[in-house]
PDB file of N, CA and C in Angstrom:
ATOM      1  N   MET A   1      -7.815  11.490 -12.340  1.00  0.00           N
ATOM      2  CA  MET A   1      -7.477   9.787 -11.051  1.00  0.00           C
ATOM      3  C   MET A   1      -5.968  10.369 -11.058  1.00  0.00           C
ATOM      4  N   SER A   2      -4.818  10.792 -10.325  1.00  0.00           N
ATOM      5  CA  SER A   2      -3.589  10.763 -10.338  1.00  0.00           C
ATOM      6  C   SER A   2      -3.024   9.553 -10.889  1.00  0.00           C
ATOM      7  N   GLU A   3      -1.626   8.811 -11.189  1.00  0.00           N
ATOM      8  CA  GLU A   3      -1.037   8.250 -11.926  1.00  0.00           C
ATOM      9  C   GLU A   3       0.401   8.575 -11.558  1.00  0.00           C
ATOM     10  N   TYR A   4       1.184   6.880 -11.482  1.00  0.00           N
ATOM     11  CA  TYR A   4       2.604   7.419 -11.218  1.00  0.00           C
ATOM     12  C   TYR A   4       2.941   6.026 -11.816  1.00  0.00           C
ATOM     13  N   LEU A   5       4.118   6.241 -13.263  1.00  0.00           N
ATOM     14  CA  LEU A   5       4.413   4.815 -13.896  1.00  0.00           C
ATOM     15  C   LEU A   5       3.826   4.124 -14.183  1.00  0.00           C
ATOM     16  N   GLY A   6       2.887   4.767 -14.400  1.00  0.00           N
ATOM     17  CA  GLY A   6       1.555   4.117 -15.304  1.00  0.00           C
ATOM     18  C   GLY A   6       0.005   3.349 -14.433  1.00  0.00           C
ATOM     19  N   TYR A   7      -0.170   4.103 -13.351  1.00  0.00           N
ATOM     20  CA  TYR A   7      -0.572   3.051 -12.104  1.00  0.00           C
ATOM     21  C   TYR A   7      -1.826   4.063 -11.461  1.00  0.00           C
ATOM     22  N   SER A   8      -2.835   4.219 -11.052  1.00  0.00           N
ATOM     23  CA  SER A   8      -3.421   5.026 -10.482  1.00  0.00           C
ATOM     24  C   SER A   8      -3.092   5.045  -8.759  1.00  0.00           C
ATOM     25  N   ILE A   9      -2.287   6.387  -8.923  1.00  0.00           N
ATOM     26  CA  ILE A   9      -2.325   6.480  -6.972  1.00  0.00           C
ATOM     27  C   ILE A   9      -3.060   5.617  -6.236  1.00  0.00           C
ATOM     28  N   ASN A  10      -4.549   5.341  -6.685  1.00  0.00           N
ATOM     29  CA  ASN A  10      -5.754   4.447  -5.764  1.00  0.00           C
ATOM     30  C   ASN A  10      -4.889   2.761  -5.664  1.00  0.00           C
ATOM     31  N   ARG A  11      -4.050   2.529  -7.038  1.00  0.00           N
ATOM     32  CA  ARG A  11      -4.166   1.119  -7.529  1.00  0.00           C
ATOM     33  C   ARG A  11      -2.934   0.997  -5.904  1.00  0.00           C
ATOM     34  N   TRP A  12      -1.769   2.157  -6.388  1.00  0.00           N
ATOM     35  CA  TRP A  12      -0.649   1.978  -5.469  1.00  0.00           C
ATOM     36  C   TRP A  12      -0.795   2.129  -4.213  1.00  0.00           C
ATOM     37  N   ALA A  13      -1.498   3.025  -3.179  1.00  0.00           N
ATOM     38  CA  ALA A  13      -2.122   2.886  -2.358  1.00  0.00           C
ATOM     39  C   ALA A  13      -2.972   1.637  -1.786  1.00  0.00           C
ATOM     40  N   ARG A  14      -3.675   0.625  -2.554  1.00  0.00           N
ATOM     41  CA  ARG A  14      -4.042  -0.681  -1.945  1.00  0.00           C
ATOM     42  C   ARG A  14      -2.893  -1.682  -1.952  1.00  0.00           C
ATOM     43  N   ALA A  15      -1.866  -0.920  -2.461  1.00  0.00           N
ATOM     44  CA  ALA A  15      -1.053  -2.364  -3.303  1.00  0.00           C
ATOM     45  C   ALA A  15      -0.461  -2.338  -2.225  1.00  0.00           C
ATOM     46  N   ILE A  16       0.467  -0.815  -1.228  1.00  0.00           N
ATOM     47  CA  ILE A  16       1.350  -0.711  -0.258  1.00  0.00           C
ATOM     48  C   ILE A  16       0.719  -0.818   0.921  1.00  0.00           C
ATOM     49  N   SER A  17      -1.184  -0.298   1.377  1.00  0.00           N
ATOM     50  CA  SER A  17      -1.272  -0.645   2.300  1.00  0.00           C
ATOM     51  C   SER A  17      -1.795  -2.173   2.573  1.00  0.00           C
ATOM     52  N   ILE A  18      -1.611  -3.130   1.449  1.00  0.00           N
ATOM     53  CA  ILE A  18      -1.985  -4.590   1.776  1.00  0.00           C
ATOM     54  C   ILE A  18      -0.962  -5.482   2.443  1.00  0.00           C
ATOM     55  N   ARG A  19       0.264  -4.467   1.625  1.00  0.00           N
ATOM     56  CA  ARG A  19       1.856  -5.097   1.529  1.00  0.00           C
ATOM     57  C   ARG A  19       1.802  -4.583   3.403  1.00  0.00           C
ATOM     58  N   LEU A  20       2.474  -3.414   3.599  1.00  0.00           N
ATOM     59  CA  LEU A  20       2.759  -3.114   5.285  1.00  0.00           C
ATOM     60  C   LEU A  20       1.529  -3.756   6.113  1.00  0.00           C
ATOM     61  N   SER A  21      -0.120  -4.281   5.809  1.00  0.00           N
ATOM     62  CA  SER A  21      -0.312  -4.593   7.085  1.00  0.00           C
ATOM     63  C   SER A  21       0.031  -6.255   7.392  1.00  0.00           C
ATOM     64  N   ASP A  22       0.173  -6.814   5.887  1.00  0.00           N
ATOM     65  CA  ASP A  22       0.894  -8.172   5.562  1.00  0.00           C
ATOM     66  C   ASP A  22       1.932  -8.119   7.014  1.00  0.00           C
ATOM     67  N   GLU A  23       2.782  -7.603   6.218  1.00  0.00           N
ATOM     68  CA  GLU A  23       3.912  -7.922   6.940  1.00  0.00           C
ATOM     69  C   GLU A  23       3.989  -6.834   8.539  1.00  0.00           C
ATOM     70  N   TRP A  24       2.910  -6.642   8.907  1.00  0.00           N
ATOM     71  CA  TRP A  24       2.978  -5.877  10.652  1.00  0.00           C
ATOM     72  C   TRP A  24       3.385  -6.823  11.670  1.00  0.00           C
ATOM     73  N   ASP A  25       3.859  -6.601  12.394  1.00  0.00           N
ATOM     74  CA  ASP A  25       3.860  -7.984  13.589  1.00  0.00           C
ATOM     75  C   ASP A  25       2.668  -8.650  14.286  1.00  0.00           C
ATOM     76  N   GLY A  26       1.911  -7.181  14.537  1.00  0.00           N
ATOM     77  CA  GLY A  26       0.744  -7.696  14.854  1.00  0.00           C
ATOM     78  C   GLY A  26      -0.009  -8.908  14.404  1.00  0.00           C
ATOM     79  N   ASN A  27       0.100  -9.032  12.747  1.00  0.00           N
ATOM     80  CA  ASN A  27      -0.819  -9.635  12.364  1.00  0.00           C
ATOM     81  C   ASN A  27      -0.832 -10.983  12.731  1.00  0.00           C
ATOM     82  N   THR A  28      -1.690 -11.602  13.281  1.00  0.00           N
ATOM     83  CA  THR A  28      -2.190 -13.092  13.716  1.00  0.00           C
ATOM     84  C   THR A  28      -3.272 -13.128  13.782  1.00  0.00           C
ATOM     85  N   ILE A  29      -3.499 -14.198  13.878  1.00  0.00           N
ATOM     86  CA  ILE A  29      -4.956 -14.886  13.688  1.00  0.00           C
ATOM     87  C   ILE A  29      -6.425 -13.879  14.700  1.00  0.00           C
ATOM     88  N   GLU A  30      -5.091 -13.691  15.851  1.00  0.00           N
ATOM     89  CA  GLU A  30      -6.003 -13.340  16.935  1.00  0.00           C
ATOM     90  C   GLU A  30      -6.311 -11.752  16.674  1.00  0.00           C
ATOM     91  N   ASN A  31      -5.386 -11.195  15.456  1.00  0.00           N
ATOM     92  CA  ASN A  31      -5.645  -9.779  14.894  1.00  0.00           C
ATOM     93  C   ASN A  31      -6.305  -9.517  13.828  1.00  0.00           C
ATOM     94  N   LYS A  32      -6.821  -9.921  13.498  1.00  0.00           N
ATOM     95  CA  LYS A  32      -7.253 -10.256  12.350  1.00  0.00           C
ATOM     96  C   LYS A  32      -7.910  -8.261  11.665  1.00  0.00           C
ATOM     97  N   GLU A  33      -8.969  -8.785  12.230  1.00  0.00           N
ATOM     98  CA  GLU A  33      -9.708  -7.113  12.546  1.00  0.00           C
ATOM     99  C   GLU A  33      -9.483  -5.913  12.186  1.00  0.00           C
ATOM    100  N   ASP A  34      -8.185  -6.040  13.046  1.00  0.00           N
ATOM    101  CA  ASP A  34      -6.716  -4.798  13.343  1.00  0.00           C
ATOM    102  C   ASP A  34      -6.264  -4.399  11.998  1.00  0.00           C
ATOM    103  N   VAL A  35      -6.145  -6.177  11.345  1.00  0.00           N
ATOM    104  CA  VAL A  35      -5.451  -5.723  10.775  1.00  0.00           C
ATOM    105  C   VAL A  35      -5.956  -5.091   9.264  1.00  0.00           C
ATOM    106  N   LYS A  36      -7.429  -5.699   9.375  1.00  0.00           N
ATOM    107  CA  LYS A  36      -7.948  -4.864   8.484  1.00  0.00           C
ATOM    108  C   LYS A  36      -8.312  -3.728   8.335  1.00  0.00           C
ATOM    109  N   MET A  37      -8.438  -3.379   9.849  1.00  0.00           N
ATOM    110  CA  MET A  37      -8.944  -2.074  10.320  1.00  0.00           C
ATOM    111  C   MET A  37      -7.185  -0.791   8.970  1.00  0.00           C
ATOM    112  N   LEU A  38      -5.902  -1.568   9.248  1.00  0.00           N
ATOM    113  CA  LEU A  38      -4.697  -1.023   9.606  1.00  0.00           C
ATOM    114  C   LEU A  38      -5.043  -0.132   8.523  1.00  0.00           C
ATOM    115  N   GLN A  39      -5.353  -1.719   7.449  1.00  0.00           N
ATOM    116  CA  GLN A  39      -4.822  -1.297   6.137  1.00  0.00           C
ATOM    117  C   GLN A  39      -5.756  -0.300   5.341  1.00  0.00           C
ATOM    118  N   GLU A  40      -7.073  -0.409   5.892  1.00  0.00           N
ATOM    119  CA  GLU A  40      -8.083   0.039   5.576  1.00  0.00           C
ATOM    120  C   GLU A  40      -7.680   1.507   5.638  1.00  0.00           C
ATOM    121  N   VAL A  41      -7.222   2.385   6.652  1.00  0.00           N
ATOM    122  CA  VAL A  41      -6.584   3.368   7.369  1.00  0.00           C
ATOM    123  C   VAL A  41      -5.273   3.881   6.372  1.00  0.00           C
ATOM    124  N   LEU A  42      -4.519   2.923   6.104  1.00  0.00           N
ATOM    125  CA  LEU A  42      -3.353   2.985   5.537  1.00  0.00           C
ATOM    126  C   LEU A  42      -3.763   3.197   4.140  1.00  0.00           C
ATOM    127  N   GLU A  43      -4.622   2.842   3.537  1.00  0.00           N
ATOM    128  CA  GLU A  43      -5.372   3.555   2.053  1.00  0.00           C
ATOM    129  C   GLU A  43      -5.720   4.475   1.613  1.00  0.00           C
ATOM    130  N   GLU A  44      -6.563   4.911   2.729  1.00  0.00           N
ATOM    131  CA  GLU A  44      -6.836   6.399   2.737  1.00  0.00           C
ATOM    132  C   GLU A  44      -6.191   6.801   3.045  1.00  0.00           C
ATOM    133  N   SER A  45      -5.111   6.983   3.640  1.00  0.00           N
ATOM    134  CA  SER A  45      -4.318   8.013   4.105  1.00  0.00           C
ATOM    135  C   SER A  45      -3.230   8.435   2.320  1.00  0.00           C
ATOM    136  N   LEU A  46      -3.054   7.146   2.095  1.00  0.00           N
ATOM    137  CA  LEU A  46      -2.263   7.229   1.025  1.00  0.00           C
ATOM    138  C   LEU A  46      -2.769   8.219  -0.394  1.00  0.00           C
ATOM    139  N   LYS A  47      -3.751   7.831  -0.806  1.00  0.00           N
ATOM    140  CA  LYS A  47      -4.682   8.335  -1.419  1.00  0.00           C
ATOM    141  C   LYS A  47      -5.133   9.722  -0.842  1.00  0.00           C
ATOM    142  N   MET A  48      -4.426  10.562  -0.108  1.00  0.00           N
ATOM    143  CA  MET A  48      -5.050  11.484   0.309  1.00  0.00           C
ATOM    144  C   MET A  48      -3.667  12.144   0.542  1.00  0.00           C
ATOM    145  N   ASN A  49      -2.732  11.435   0.384  1.00  0.00           N
ATOM    146  CA  ASN A  49      -1.082  11.717   0.419  1.00  0.00           C
ATOM    147  C   ASN A  49      -0.789  11.534  -0.839  1.00  0.00           C
ATOM    148  N   VAL A  50      -0.998  12.375  -1.754  1.00  0.00           N
ATOM    149  CA  VAL A  50      -0.286  11.759  -3.260  1.00  0.00           C
ATOM    150  C   VAL A  50       1.167  11.045  -3.142  1.00  0.00           C
ATOM    151  N   GLU A  51       1.789  12.992  -2.413  1.00  0.00           N
ATOM    152  CA  GLU A  51       3.685  12.744  -2.963  1.00  0.00           C
ATOM    153  C   GLU A  51       3.799  11.849  -1.399  1.00  0.00           C
ATOM    154  N   GLY A  52       3.436  11.879  -0.597  1.00  0.00           N
ATOM    155  CA  GLY A  52       4.103  10.865   0.579  1.00  0.00           C
ATOM    156  C   GLY A  52       3.967   9.365  -0.340  1.00  0.00           C
ATOM    157  N   CYS A  53       2.691   8.969  -0.984  1.00  0.00           N
ATOM    158  CA  CYS A  53       2.344   7.666  -1.288  1.00  0.00           C
ATOM    159  C   CYS A  53       3.625   7.566  -2.804  1.00  0.00           C
ATOM    160  N   LYS A  54       3.807   8.120  -3.709  1.00  0.00           N
ATOM    161  CA  LYS A  54       5.075   8.174  -4.585  1.00  0.00           C
ATOM    162  C   LYS A  54       6.395   8.399  -4.071  1.00  0.00           C
ATOM    163  N   LYS A  55       6.504   8.832  -2.990  1.00  0.00           N
ATOM    164  CA  LYS A  55       7.743   9.078  -2.291  1.00  0.00           C
ATOM    165  C   LYS A  55       8.496   6.823  -1.336  1.00  0.00           C
ATOM    166  N   LEU A  56       6.832   6.640  -0.801  1.00  0.00           N
ATOM    167  CA  LEU A  56       7.300   5.141  -0.805  1.00  0.00           C
ATOM    168  C   LEU A  56       7.696   4.154  -2.048  1.00  0.00           C
ATOM    169  N   ILE A  57       6.263   4.410  -3.368  1.00  0.00           N
ATOM    170  CA  ILE A  57       7.613   4.000  -4.772  1.00  0.00           C
ATOM    171  C   ILE A  57       8.489   3.398  -4.879  1.00  0.00           C
ATOM    172  N   GLY A  58       9.320   2.770  -5.420  1.00  0.00           N
ATOM    173  CA  GLY A  58      10.479   2.333  -5.913  1.00  0.00           C
ATOM    174  C   GLY A  58      11.743   2.594  -4.397  1.00  0.00           C
ATOM    175  N   SER A  59      11.300   1.863  -3.147  1.00  0.00           N
ATOM    176  CA  SER A  59      12.039   2.346  -1.769  1.00  0.00           C
ATOM    177  C   SER A  59      11.708   0.579  -1.028  1.00  0.00           C
ATOM    178  N   SER A  60      12.051   0.507   0.216  1.00  0.00           N
ATOM    179  CA  SER A  60      12.100  -0.935   0.275  1.00  0.00           C
ATOM    180  C   SER A  60      10.671  -1.468   1.030  1.00  0.00           C
ATOM    181  N   ILE A  61       9.172  -0.710   0.633  1.00  0.00           N
ATOM    182  CA  ILE A  61       8.191  -0.936   0.927  1.00  0.00           C
ATOM    183  C   ILE A  61       7.596  -1.422   0.149  1.00  0.00           C
ATOM    184  N   ILE A  62       7.599  -0.980  -1.674  1.00  0.00           N
ATOM    185  CA  ILE A  62       7.377  -1.712  -2.543  1.00  0.00           C
ATOM    186  C   ILE A  62       7.934  -1.129  -4.019  1.00  0.00           C
ATOM    187  N   GLU A  63       8.455  -2.452  -4.476  1.00  0.00           N
ATOM    188  CA  GLU A  63       8.783  -1.669  -5.805  1.00  0.00           C
ATOM    189  C   GLU A  63       8.049  -1.652  -6.557  1.00  0.00           C
ATOM    190  N   ASP A  64       9.011  -0.744  -7.664  1.00  0.00           N
ATOM    191  CA  ASP A  64       8.373   0.409  -8.632  1.00  0.00           C
ATOM    192  C   ASP A  64       7.577  -0.382 -10.239  1.00  0.00           C
ATOM    193  N   ASP A  65       7.760  -1.357 -10.193  1.00  0.00           N
ATOM    194  CA  ASP A  65       8.103  -2.726 -10.949  1.00  0.00           C
ATOM    195  C   ASP A  65       6.828  -3.912 -10.035  1.00  0.00           C
ATOM    196  N   TYR A  66       6.207  -3.126  -9.120  1.00  0.00           N
ATOM    197  CA  TYR A  66       5.462  -4.114  -8.331  1.00  0.00           C
ATOM    198  C   TYR A  66       4.971  -5.048  -9.519  1.00  0.00           C
ATOM    199  N   PHE A  67       3.820  -4.319 -10.018  1.00  0.00           N
ATOM    200  CA  PHE A  67       2.680  -4.770 -10.882  1.00  0.00           C
ATOM    201  C   PHE A  67       2.709  -5.274 -11.911  1.00  0.00           C
ATOM    202  N   ASP A  68       4.148  -4.966 -12.745  1.00  0.00           N
ATOM    203  CA  ASP A  68       4.885  -5.459 -13.773  1.00  0.00           C
ATOM    204  C   ASP A  68       5.043  -7.184 -13.435  1.00  0.00           C
ATOM    205  N   SER A  69       5.610  -7.397 -12.188  1.00  0.00           N
ATOM    206  CA  SER A  69       6.148  -8.400 -11.427  1.00  0.00           C
ATOM    207  C   SER A  69       4.456  -9.399 -11.202  1.00  0.00           C
ATOM    208  N   ASN A  70       4.261  -9.040 -11.074  1.00  0.00           N
ATOM    209  CA  ASN A  70       2.907  -9.915 -10.819  1.00  0.00           C
ATOM    210  C   ASN A  70       1.379  -9.970 -11.499  1.00  0.00           C
ATOM    211  N   LEU A  71       2.151  -9.807 -12.400  1.00  0.00           N
ATOM    212  CA  LEU A  71       0.522  -9.816 -13.498  1.00  0.00           C
ATOM    213  C   LEU A  71       0.838 -11.484 -13.745  1.00  0.00           C
TER     214      LEU A  71
END
């Protein structure tokens, strides 16, 4: 399993997908199923594109110390 900054890419992909789907403008009570679908699609896409996932880490999308600050 691939890792980056001490955490698995799968864990990073999940965190990024949750962050993006939570902050999506369409995230409303009426669209909860769409939010879940978006999160799942993003997570699977990021797992398959490891280099793309790594590019997002340390950007304004997700901090490189995200897991350290959320313990």
